[in-house]
Amino acid sequence: MDYPERYELVFQALAVEDDVVVVRRTELAGAGGYPVYEDESGIVRAEISDRGEVRMLASGGHQAPQAPLLARPLSP
């Protein structure tokens, strides 16, 4: 299966504009067998399925990652 290289993850922010984070595909696969994507800092990490389903992954201790409202594939 050919997966997009990048996604925009859109998170709902209270009382302000939605927060958008761009993540890039890594060489890793998550527990579901789908690619793991991460942002430039490596803090925001997510496994994204071929149907666009997102499972957020903790990148450090004491995190409680919030699921995004939307995952949009980006062109290369």
Protein backbone atom coordinates (compact mmCIF):
# COMPACT_ATOMS: atom_id res chain seq x y z
CA MET A 1 0.00 0.00 0.00
CA ASP A 2 1.22 3.49 -0.82
CA TYR A 3 0.74 5.92 2.08
CA PRO A 4 0.90 9.73 1.88
CA GLU A 5 4.24 11.27 2.84
CA ARG A 6 2.63 14.01 4.96
CA TYR A 7 -0.61 14.81 6.78
CA GLU A 8 -2.07 17.86 8.45
CA LEU A 9 -3.55 16.98 11.83
CA VAL A 10 -6.23 19.47 12.89
CA PHE A 11 -6.83 19.81 16.63
CA GLN A 12 -9.66 21.81 18.17
CA ALA A 13 -8.43 24.67 20.33
CA LEU A 14 -10.73 26.39 22.80
CA ALA A 15 -11.77 29.97 21.96
CA VAL A 16 -9.17 30.34 19.18
CA GLU A 17 -8.48 29.02 15.70
CA ASP A 18 -7.95 25.29 15.32
CA ASP A 19 -4.35 24.15 15.74
CA VAL A 20 -2.80 22.49 12.67
CA VAL A 21 0.30 20.30 12.90
CA VAL A 22 2.08 18.85 9.85
CA VAL A 23 3.45 15.34 10.37
CA ARG A 24 5.75 13.36 8.08
CA ARG A 25 5.87 9.58 7.57
CA THR A 26 8.68 7.76 9.39
CA GLU A 27 10.13 4.31 8.74
CA LEU A 28 8.28 3.00 11.83
CA ALA A 29 5.00 1.08 11.95
CA GLY A 30 2.56 1.20 14.84
CA ALA A 31 0.80 -1.64 16.64
CA GLY A 32 -1.85 -1.77 13.89
CA GLY A 33 0.82 -2.17 11.22
CA TYR A 34 0.26 1.30 9.74
CA PRO A 35 2.94 3.99 9.31
CA VAL A 36 3.90 6.24 12.19
CA TYR A 37 4.00 9.97 11.40
CA GLU A 38 5.66 12.68 13.49
CA ASP A 39 6.14 16.43 13.44
CA GLU A 40 9.54 18.14 13.13
CA SER A 41 10.08 18.15 16.89
CA GLY A 42 9.23 14.45 17.26
CA ILE A 43 6.73 15.29 20.00
CA VAL A 44 3.51 14.86 18.01
CA ARG A 45 3.35 11.24 16.83
CA ALA A 46 0.46 9.32 15.26
CA GLU A 47 -0.25 6.04 13.53
CA ILE A 48 -2.49 6.72 10.52
CA SER A 49 -4.36 3.91 8.76
CA ASP A 50 -5.08 3.57 5.05
CA ARG A 51 -8.61 4.89 5.83
CA GLY A 52 -7.27 8.03 7.57
CA GLU A 53 -7.99 6.76 11.09
CA VAL A 54 -5.59 8.32 13.58
CA ARG A 55 -4.21 6.81 16.77
CA MET A 56 -2.09 9.30 18.69
CA LEU A 57 1.11 7.94 20.26
CA ALA A 58 2.82 9.27 23.37
CA SER A 59 6.40 10.37 22.69
CA GLY A 60 7.30 10.76 26.36
CA GLY A 61 6.11 10.17 29.87
CA HIS A 62 3.02 11.80 31.41
CA GLN A 63 1.42 12.58 28.04
CA ALA A 64 -2.27 12.22 27.30
CA PRO A 65 -2.41 12.85 23.54
CA GLN A 66 -5.68 14.26 22.23
CA ALA A 67 -7.13 12.84 19.02
CA PRO A 68 -7.33 15.32 16.13
CA LEU A 69 -10.64 16.37 14.59
CA LEU A 70 -9.29 15.64 11.12
CA ALA A 71 -6.28 14.21 9.29
CA ARG A 72 -5.76 15.68 5.80
CA PRO A 73 -3.24 14.07 3.43
CA LEU A 74 -0.90 16.61 1.81
CA SER A 75 0.65 16.46 -1.64
CA PRO A 76 4.41 15.77 -1.72
